[in-house]
């Protein structure tokens, strides 16, 4: 174990990046553009969902998404996304914004678990470079993912099953009744939400793969997709009290890639993607919120 860790540290120390080259700036520019594309898909998804209550522009939706990223950064597991959206959309009922945000998050979760499940099916049946993973653990995880995905899709397609049960709970009945309109969300709308969710996942994957290619690591596109699928699939269910879920994903990335050609660079790549998508978007959201406060004062 010591020799493996020592070897990986040496590999990391040998990593050289020319920050003064055109290639480096083009690489950073591409990652930042993909960050905007990622949150643009999220804005399209939220615009589509909120349209059942109020028609808003893509600009307003994008603004609410970025401010939501800012407020989510300071809450465990990024649960505070809806707070920023409520701040921007003052004329929409808070409970509806929270519920519709939850529907969008559920769609994203289904997309993430689907890719995670497909990745687990592959490494349980085919040869793969993730030889450091326990086979029993992978088989159990595959079984758990199948059950979770089935339950999530059932709730997504037939939310009435959940609503009918919750309406019987005395203390929350009034809140559930106010959300009764969510029972009738059109299937076509929810299908589009899933498409946008899949596109967001693929943007994350593309960012990982671009960084891997930039670092000239011998790790092909399929293995990268499997790595990202399992990484995001598992980390979704790991509670994290830290800012923007920082740390839990990187620790898991190290576990997944320790025996692959990525090695200790797995967490480094994960941190880079986190900085671009979470860190950078948090700064943008904070800037938007500050500017809006100045205009209203």
Foldseek 3Di string as FASTA:
>chain_A
DVVLVVVLVVVVVPQDDDCPDPVNVVLVVVLLVLLLVLLLLVLVLLQLLCVVPPHDDSVLSSLLQLLLLQQLLQFWLSLSSLVSNCVSCVVTDSLSSSVSVVLLVLLLLLLLLVLQLVLLVDVLPHDAQQVLDDNVVSVVVNVVSVVVNVVSVCCSVQVVVVLVVVCVDVVCVVSSVVVVVVRPDDPVSSVSSNVSSNVSLVSLLVLLVSVCVVSVFPADSVNSSSLSSNLSNVLSPPIDRHGPSPPPSLVVQQSRPCRDSCRNVSSVSVVVSCCSNNVVSNVVSVVSVVVVVVVVD
